[in-house]
Amino acid sequence: MQYLVVIALITVVYFFFIKKRPITNTTSKKSTQKKTKPQSNDMVECSTCGIYCEVDDSILSNGKYYCSSECLDEAV
């Protein structure tokens, strides 16, 4: 009888504390879309000079980001 109690306690401890849960895929289609379409606080690289600036502060032209109108003029 004592052996059954010990085995039951070991089993309970194993399943609640030791056994690792399976790793679930936390990335979904929505999170991959965020990577392709920058959010307002994301940093993007200027296509001309290579510095990084926020999406809100950058200029988008022909699918490329520019840090200023001078860099945009150089690219054209």
PDB file of N, CA and C in Angstrom:
ATOM      1  N   MET A   1       0.819  -1.200   0.000  1.00  0.00           N
ATOM      2  CA  MET A   1       0.000   0.000   0.000  1.00  0.00           C
ATOM      3  C   MET A   1       0.864   1.266   0.000  1.00  0.00           C
ATOM      4  N   GLN A   2       1.948   1.256   0.760  1.00  0.00           N
ATOM      5  CA  GLN A   2       2.816   2.425   0.817  1.00  0.00           C
ATOM      6  C   GLN A   2       3.491   2.669  -0.528  1.00  0.00           C
ATOM      7  N   TYR A   3       3.791   1.607  -1.240  1.00  0.00           N
ATOM      8  CA  TYR A   3       4.435   1.751  -2.542  1.00  0.00           C
ATOM      9  C   TYR A   3       3.508   2.446  -3.538  1.00  0.00           C
ATOM     10  N   LEU A   4       2.232   2.137  -3.483  1.00  0.00           N
ATOM     11  CA  LEU A   4       1.279   2.774  -4.381  1.00  0.00           C
ATOM     12  C   LEU A   4       1.163   4.273  -4.107  1.00  0.00           C
ATOM     13  N   VAL A   5       1.204   4.662  -2.854  1.00  0.00           N
ATOM     14  CA  VAL A   5       1.124   6.077  -2.496  1.00  0.00           C
ATOM     15  C   VAL A   5       2.373   6.808  -2.990  1.00  0.00           C
ATOM     16  N   VAL A   6       3.544   6.198  -2.813  1.00  0.00           N
ATOM     17  CA  VAL A   6       4.788   6.810  -3.266  1.00  0.00           C
ATOM     18  C   VAL A   6       4.793   6.938  -4.785  1.00  0.00           C
ATOM     19  N   ILE A   7       4.367   5.905  -5.478  1.00  0.00           N
ATOM     20  CA  ILE A   7       4.313   5.938  -6.944  1.00  0.00           C
ATOM     21  C   ILE A   7       3.311   6.991  -7.414  1.00  0.00           C
ATOM     22  N   ALA A   8       2.185   7.118  -6.745  1.00  0.00           N
ATOM     23  CA  ALA A   8       1.188   8.123  -7.111  1.00  0.00           C
ATOM     24  C   ALA A   8       1.743   9.532  -6.901  1.00  0.00           C
ATOM     25  N   LEU A   9       2.436   9.775  -5.797  1.00  0.00           N
ATOM     26  CA  LEU A   9       3.031  11.082  -5.550  1.00  0.00           C
ATOM     27  C   LEU A   9       4.099  11.427  -6.578  1.00  0.00           C
ATOM     28  N   ILE A  10       4.930  10.460  -6.927  1.00  0.00           N
ATOM     29  CA  ILE A  10       5.965  10.684  -7.937  1.00  0.00           C
ATOM     30  C   ILE A  10       5.325  11.011  -9.283  1.00  0.00           C
ATOM     31  N   THR A  11       4.256  10.310  -9.627  1.00  0.00           N
ATOM     32  CA  THR A  11       3.564  10.551 -10.889  1.00  0.00           C
ATOM     33  C   THR A  11       2.951  11.948 -10.918  1.00  0.00           C
ATOM     34  N   VAL A  12       2.313  12.345  -9.826  1.00  0.00           N
ATOM     35  CA  VAL A  12       1.706  13.679  -9.762  1.00  0.00           C
ATOM     36  C   VAL A  12       2.777  14.761  -9.884  1.00  0.00           C
ATOM     37  N   VAL A  13       3.885  14.612  -9.182  1.00  0.00           N
ATOM     38  CA  VAL A  13       4.965  15.586  -9.251  1.00  0.00           C
ATOM     39  C   VAL A  13       5.533  15.641 -10.668  1.00  0.00           C
ATOM     40  N   TYR A  14       5.684  14.509 -11.304  1.00  0.00           N
ATOM     41  CA  TYR A  14       6.225  14.469 -12.664  1.00  0.00           C
ATOM     42  C   TYR A  14       5.324  15.228 -13.633  1.00  0.00           C
ATOM     43  N   PHE A  15       4.035  14.944 -13.610  1.00  0.00           N
ATOM     44  CA  PHE A  15       3.136  15.554 -14.583  1.00  0.00           C
ATOM     45  C   PHE A  15       2.895  17.041 -14.329  1.00  0.00           C
ATOM     46  N   PHE A  16       2.955  17.485 -13.078  1.00  0.00           N
ATOM     47  CA  PHE A  16       2.688  18.891 -12.806  1.00  0.00           C
ATOM     48  C   PHE A  16       3.922  19.774 -12.848  1.00  0.00           C
ATOM     49  N   PHE A  17       5.081  19.237 -12.506  1.00  0.00           N
ATOM     50  CA  PHE A  17       6.254  20.097 -12.369  1.00  0.00           C
ATOM     51  C   PHE A  17       7.387  19.786 -13.331  1.00  0.00           C
ATOM     52  N   ILE A  18       7.572  18.540 -13.684  1.00  0.00           N
ATOM     53  CA  ILE A  18       8.758  18.158 -14.451  1.00  0.00           C
ATOM     54  C   ILE A  18       8.477  18.047 -15.940  1.00  0.00           C
ATOM     55  N   LYS A  19       7.369  17.425 -16.298  1.00  0.00           N
ATOM     56  CA  LYS A  19       7.079  17.189 -17.710  1.00  0.00           C
ATOM     57  C   LYS A  19       6.914  18.510 -18.444  1.00  0.00           C
ATOM     58  N   LYS A  20       7.659  18.665 -19.521  1.00  0.00           N
ATOM     59  CA  LYS A  20       7.607  19.890 -20.311  1.00  0.00           C
ATOM     60  C   LYS A  20       6.403  19.832 -21.241  1.00  0.00           C
ATOM     61  N   ARG A  21       5.787  20.966 -21.383  1.00  0.00           N
ATOM     62  CA  ARG A  21       4.660  21.043 -22.307  1.00  0.00           C
ATOM     63  C   ARG A  21       5.195  21.142 -23.730  1.00  0.00           C
ATOM     64  N   PRO A  22       4.451  20.654 -24.698  1.00  0.00           N
ATOM     65  CA  PRO A  22       4.927  20.755 -26.084  1.00  0.00           C
ATOM     66  C   PRO A  22       5.008  22.213 -26.519  1.00  0.00           C
ATOM     67  N   ILE A  23       6.002  22.496 -27.318  1.00  0.00           N
ATOM     68  CA  ILE A  23       6.202  23.849 -27.820  1.00  0.00           C
ATOM     69  C   ILE A  23       5.191  24.099 -28.929  1.00  0.00           C
ATOM     70  N   THR A  24       4.424  25.158 -28.761  1.00  0.00           N
ATOM     71  CA  THR A  24       3.436  25.491 -29.779  1.00  0.00           C
ATOM     72  C   THR A  24       3.998  26.569 -30.681  1.00  0.00           C
ATOM     73  N   ASN A  25       3.525  26.598 -31.880  1.00  0.00           N
ATOM     74  CA  ASN A  25       3.968  27.598 -32.846  1.00  0.00           C
ATOM     75  C   ASN A  25       3.289  28.917 -32.500  1.00  0.00           C
ATOM     76  N   THR A  26       4.058  29.868 -31.948  1.00  0.00           N
ATOM     77  CA  THR A  26       3.483  31.140 -31.530  1.00  0.00           C
ATOM     78  C   THR A  26       3.375  32.134 -32.670  1.00  0.00           C
ATOM     79  N   THR A  27       4.053  31.882 -33.769  1.00  0.00           N
ATOM     80  CA  THR A  27       3.958  32.795 -34.899  1.00  0.00           C
ATOM     81  C   THR A  27       2.758  32.401 -35.746  1.00  0.00           C
ATOM     82  N   SER A  28       1.987  33.370 -36.076  1.00  0.00           N
ATOM     83  CA  SER A  28       0.831  33.122 -36.922  1.00  0.00           C
ATOM     84  C   SER A  28       0.948  33.976 -38.172  1.00  0.00           C
ATOM     85  N   LYS A  29      -0.040  33.890 -38.995  1.00  0.00           N
ATOM     86  CA  LYS A  29      -0.012  34.675 -40.230  1.00  0.00           C
ATOM     87  C   LYS A  29      -0.050  36.164 -39.936  1.00  0.00           C
ATOM     88  N   LYS A  30      -0.714  36.557 -38.851  1.00  0.00           N
ATOM     89  CA  LYS A  30      -0.781  37.976 -38.507  1.00  0.00           C
ATOM     90  C   LYS A  30       0.582  38.510 -38.117  1.00  0.00           C
ATOM     91  N   SER A  31       1.366  37.733 -37.371  1.00  0.00           N
ATOM     92  CA  SER A  31       2.679  38.226 -36.950  1.00  0.00           C
ATOM     93  C   SER A  31       3.650  38.271 -38.120  1.00  0.00           C
ATOM     94  N   THR A  32       3.497  37.405 -39.122  1.00  0.00           N
ATOM     95  CA  THR A  32       4.373  37.481 -40.282  1.00  0.00           C
ATOM     96  C   THR A  32       4.001  38.672 -41.153  1.00  0.00           C
ATOM     97  N   GLN A  33       2.729  39.078 -41.127  1.00  0.00           N
ATOM     98  CA  GLN A  33       2.337  40.260 -41.874  1.00  0.00           C
ATOM     99  C   GLN A  33       2.925  41.513 -41.245  1.00  0.00           C
ATOM    100  N   LYS A  34       3.090  41.509 -39.920  1.00  0.00           N
ATOM    101  CA  LYS A  34       3.684  42.665 -39.258  1.00  0.00           C
ATOM    102  C   LYS A  34       5.126  42.862 -39.697  1.00  0.00           C
ATOM    103  N   LYS A  35       5.817  41.777 -39.978  1.00  0.00           N
ATOM    104  CA  LYS A  35       7.207  41.894 -40.399  1.00  0.00           C
ATOM    105  C   LYS A  35       7.306  42.454 -41.811  1.00  0.00           C
ATOM    106  N   THR A  36       6.338  42.177 -42.669  1.00  0.00           N
ATOM    107  CA  THR A  36       6.405  42.673 -44.027  1.00  0.00           C
ATOM    108  C   THR A  36       5.893  44.109 -44.128  1.00  0.00           C
ATOM    109  N   LYS A  37       4.986  44.494 -43.243  1.00  0.00           N
ATOM    110  CA  LYS A  37       4.446  45.853 -43.246  1.00  0.00           C
ATOM    111  C   LYS A  37       4.861  46.518 -41.940  1.00  0.00           C
ATOM    112  N   PRO A  38       5.809  47.452 -41.976  1.00  0.00           N
ATOM    113  CA  PRO A  38       6.322  48.055 -40.741  1.00  0.00           C
ATOM    114  C   PRO A  38       5.251  48.841 -39.987  1.00  0.00           C
ATOM    115  N   GLN A  39       5.322  48.771 -38.680  1.00  0.00           N
ATOM    116  CA  GLN A  39       4.439  49.535 -37.809  1.00  0.00           C
ATOM    117  C   GLN A  39       5.037  50.923 -37.589  1.00  0.00           C
ATOM    118  N   SER A  40       4.313  51.787 -36.896  1.00  0.00           N
ATOM    119  CA  SER A  40       4.744  53.176 -36.753  1.00  0.00           C
ATOM    120  C   SER A  40       6.013  53.324 -35.923  1.00  0.00           C
ATOM    121  N   ASN A  41       6.310  52.406 -35.012  1.00  0.00           N
ATOM    122  CA  ASN A  41       7.509  52.546 -34.194  1.00  0.00           C
ATOM    123  C   ASN A  41       8.668  51.682 -34.690  1.00  0.00           C
ATOM    124  N   ASP A  42       8.528  51.023 -35.817  1.00  0.00           N
ATOM    125  CA  ASP A  42       9.604  50.210 -36.380  1.00  0.00           C
ATOM    126  C   ASP A  42      10.656  51.106 -37.027  1.00  0.00           C
ATOM    127  N   MET A  43      11.873  50.586 -37.026  1.00  0.00           N
ATOM    128  CA  MET A  43      12.974  51.311 -37.659  1.00  0.00           C
ATOM    129  C   MET A  43      13.204  50.715 -39.046  1.00  0.00           C
ATOM    130  N   VAL A  44      13.396  51.582 -40.035  1.00  0.00           N
ATOM    131  CA  VAL A  44      13.678  51.156 -41.403  1.00  0.00           C
ATOM    132  C   VAL A  44      14.962  51.816 -41.867  1.00  0.00           C
ATOM    133  N   GLU A  45      15.630  51.164 -42.809  1.00  0.00           N
ATOM    134  CA  GLU A  45      16.904  51.676 -43.317  1.00  0.00           C
ATOM    135  C   GLU A  45      16.656  52.561 -44.533  1.00  0.00           C
ATOM    136  N   CYS A  46      17.343  53.685 -44.563  1.00  0.00           N
ATOM    137  CA  CYS A  46      17.265  54.581 -45.708  1.00  0.00           C
ATOM    138  C   CYS A  46      17.936  53.889 -46.895  1.00  0.00           C
ATOM    139  N   SER A  47      17.280  53.904 -48.042  1.00  0.00           N
ATOM    140  CA  SER A  47      17.816  53.227 -49.227  1.00  0.00           C
ATOM    141  C   SER A  47      19.033  53.927 -49.806  1.00  0.00           C
ATOM    142  N   THR A  48      19.219  55.209 -49.504  1.00  0.00           N
ATOM    143  CA  THR A  48      20.353  55.962 -50.051  1.00  0.00           C
ATOM    144  C   THR A  48      21.552  55.954 -49.123  1.00  0.00           C
ATOM    145  N   CYS A  49      21.380  56.446 -47.898  1.00  0.00           N
ATOM    146  CA  CYS A  49      22.534  56.612 -47.004  1.00  0.00           C
ATOM    147  C   CYS A  49      22.703  55.469 -46.008  1.00  0.00           C
ATOM    148  N   GLY A  50      21.675  54.676 -45.786  1.00  0.00           N
ATOM    149  CA  GLY A  50      21.803  53.500 -44.931  1.00  0.00           C
ATOM    150  C   GLY A  50      21.551  53.724 -43.458  1.00  0.00           C
ATOM    151  N   ILE A  51      21.179  54.941 -43.045  1.00  0.00           N
ATOM    152  CA  ILE A  51      20.888  55.139 -41.628  1.00  0.00           C
ATOM    153  C   ILE A  51      19.472  54.648 -41.337  1.00  0.00           C
ATOM    154  N   TYR A  52      19.199  54.383 -40.062  1.00  0.00           N
ATOM    155  CA  TYR A  52      17.885  53.903 -39.658  1.00  0.00           C
ATOM    156  C   TYR A  52      17.076  55.044 -39.065  1.00  0.00           C
ATOM    157  N   CYS A  53      15.804  55.091 -39.435  1.00  0.00           N
ATOM    158  CA  CYS A  53      14.895  56.080 -38.875  1.00  0.00           C
ATOM    159  C   CYS A  53      13.531  55.411 -38.716  1.00  0.00           C
ATOM    160  N   GLU A  54      12.670  56.034 -37.921  1.00  0.00           N
ATOM    161  CA  GLU A  54      11.347  55.478 -37.695  1.00  0.00           C
ATOM    162  C   GLU A  54      10.497  55.587 -38.954  1.00  0.00           C
ATOM    163  N   VAL A  55       9.543  54.691 -39.068  1.00  0.00           N
ATOM    164  CA  VAL A  55       8.669  54.677 -40.242  1.00  0.00           C
ATOM    165  C   VAL A  55       7.894  55.986 -40.342  1.00  0.00           C
ATOM    166  N   ASP A  56       7.458  56.522 -39.204  1.00  0.00           N
ATOM    167  CA  ASP A  56       6.699  57.774 -39.227  1.00  0.00           C
ATOM    168  C   ASP A  56       7.527  58.944 -39.741  1.00  0.00           C
ATOM    169  N   ASP A  57       8.837  58.921 -39.500  1.00  0.00           N
ATOM    170  CA  ASP A  57       9.706  60.023 -39.920  1.00  0.00           C
ATOM    171  C   ASP A  57      10.276  59.827 -41.316  1.00  0.00           C
ATOM    172  N   SER A  58      10.087  58.675 -41.904  1.00  0.00           N
ATOM    173  CA  SER A  58      10.699  58.388 -43.203  1.00  0.00           C
ATOM    174  C   SER A  58       9.734  58.706 -44.344  1.00  0.00           C
ATOM    175  N   ILE A  59      10.287  58.721 -45.552  1.00  0.00           N
ATOM    176  CA  ILE A  59       9.522  58.990 -46.771  1.00  0.00           C
ATOM    177  C   ILE A  59       9.490  57.705 -47.586  1.00  0.00           C
ATOM    178  N   LEU A  60       8.304  57.250 -47.937  1.00  0.00           N
ATOM    179  CA  LEU A  60       8.140  56.028 -48.725  1.00  0.00           C
ATOM    180  C   LEU A  60       7.924  56.402 -50.181  1.00  0.00           C
ATOM    181  N   SER A  61       8.791  55.917 -51.050  1.00  0.00           N
ATOM    182  CA  SER A  61       8.670  56.200 -52.472  1.00  0.00           C
ATOM    183  C   SER A  61       9.085  54.958 -53.250  1.00  0.00           C
ATOM    184  N   ASN A  62       8.203  54.473 -54.114  1.00  0.00           N
ATOM    185  CA  ASN A  62       8.443  53.291 -54.942  1.00  0.00           C
ATOM    186  C   ASN A  62       8.845  52.080 -54.110  1.00  0.00           C
ATOM    187  N   GLY A  63       8.239  51.915 -52.943  1.00  0.00           N
ATOM    188  CA  GLY A  63       8.502  50.766 -52.097  1.00  0.00           C
ATOM    189  C   GLY A  63       9.795  50.831 -51.316  1.00  0.00           C
ATOM    190  N   LYS A  64      10.478  51.971 -51.331  1.00  0.00           N
ATOM    191  CA  LYS A  64      11.725  52.150 -50.584  1.00  0.00           C
ATOM    192  C   LYS A  64      11.559  53.304 -49.610  1.00  0.00           C
ATOM    193  N   TYR A  65      12.276  53.179 -48.486  1.00  0.00           N
ATOM    194  CA  TYR A  65      12.206  54.213 -47.451  1.00  0.00           C
ATOM    195  C   TYR A  65      13.425  55.120 -47.535  1.00  0.00           C
ATOM    196  N   TYR A  66      13.193  56.433 -47.323  1.00  0.00           N
ATOM    197  CA  TYR A  66      14.257  57.436 -47.339  1.00  0.00           C
ATOM    198  C   TYR A  66      14.152  58.267 -46.070  1.00  0.00           C
ATOM    199  N   CYS A  67      15.303  58.667 -45.524  1.00  0.00           N
ATOM    200  CA  CYS A  67      15.308  59.415 -44.270  1.00  0.00           C
ATOM    201  C   CYS A  67      14.973  60.882 -44.472  1.00  0.00           C
ATOM    202  N   SER A  68      15.224  61.424 -45.649  1.00  0.00           N
ATOM    203  CA  SER A  68      14.958  62.847 -45.894  1.00  0.00           C
ATOM    204  C   SER A  68      14.668  63.063 -47.378  1.00  0.00           C
ATOM    205  N   SER A  69      14.228  64.253 -47.686  1.00  0.00           N
ATOM    206  CA  SER A  69      13.955  64.572 -49.090  1.00  0.00           C
ATOM    207  C   SER A  69      15.252  64.660 -49.901  1.00  0.00           C
ATOM    208  N   GLU A  70      16.373  64.995 -49.232  1.00  0.00           N
ATOM    209  CA  GLU A  70      17.667  65.035 -49.935  1.00  0.00           C
ATOM    210  C   GLU A  70      18.065  63.626 -50.418  1.00  0.00           C
ATOM    211  N   CYS A  71      17.866  62.634 -49.558  1.00  0.00           N
ATOM    212  CA  CYS A  71      18.193  61.256 -49.958  1.00  0.00           C
ATOM    213  C   CYS A  71      17.248  60.782 -51.061  1.00  0.00           C
ATOM    214  N   LEU A  72      16.008  61.222 -51.003  1.00  0.00           N
ATOM    215  CA  LEU A  72      15.053  60.869 -52.053  1.00  0.00           C
ATOM    216  C   LEU A  72      15.462  61.503 -53.370  1.00  0.00           C
ATOM    217  N   ASP A  73      15.924  62.747 -53.331  1.00  0.00           N
ATOM    218  CA  ASP A  73      16.378  63.428 -54.563  1.00  0.00           C
ATOM    219  C   ASP A  73      17.627  62.763 -55.145  1.00  0.00           C
ATOM    220  N   GLU A  74      18.537  62.303 -54.268  1.00  0.00           N
ATOM    221  CA  GLU A  74      19.735  61.609 -54.753  1.00  0.00           C
ATOM    222  C   GLU A  74      19.394  60.305 -55.449  1.00  0.00           C
ATOM    223  N   ALA A  75      18.355  59.628 -54.973  1.00  0.00           N
ATOM    224  CA  ALA A  75      17.981  58.337 -55.550  1.00  0.00           C
ATOM    225  C   ALA A  75      17.330  58.511 -56.917  1.00  0.00           C
ATOM    226  N   VAL A  76      16.703  59.646 -57.135  1.00  0.00           N
ATOM    227  CA  VAL A  76      15.999  59.890 -58.403  1.00  0.00           C
ATOM    228  C   VAL A  76      16.926  60.481 -59.372  1.00  0.00           C
TER     229      VAL A  76
END
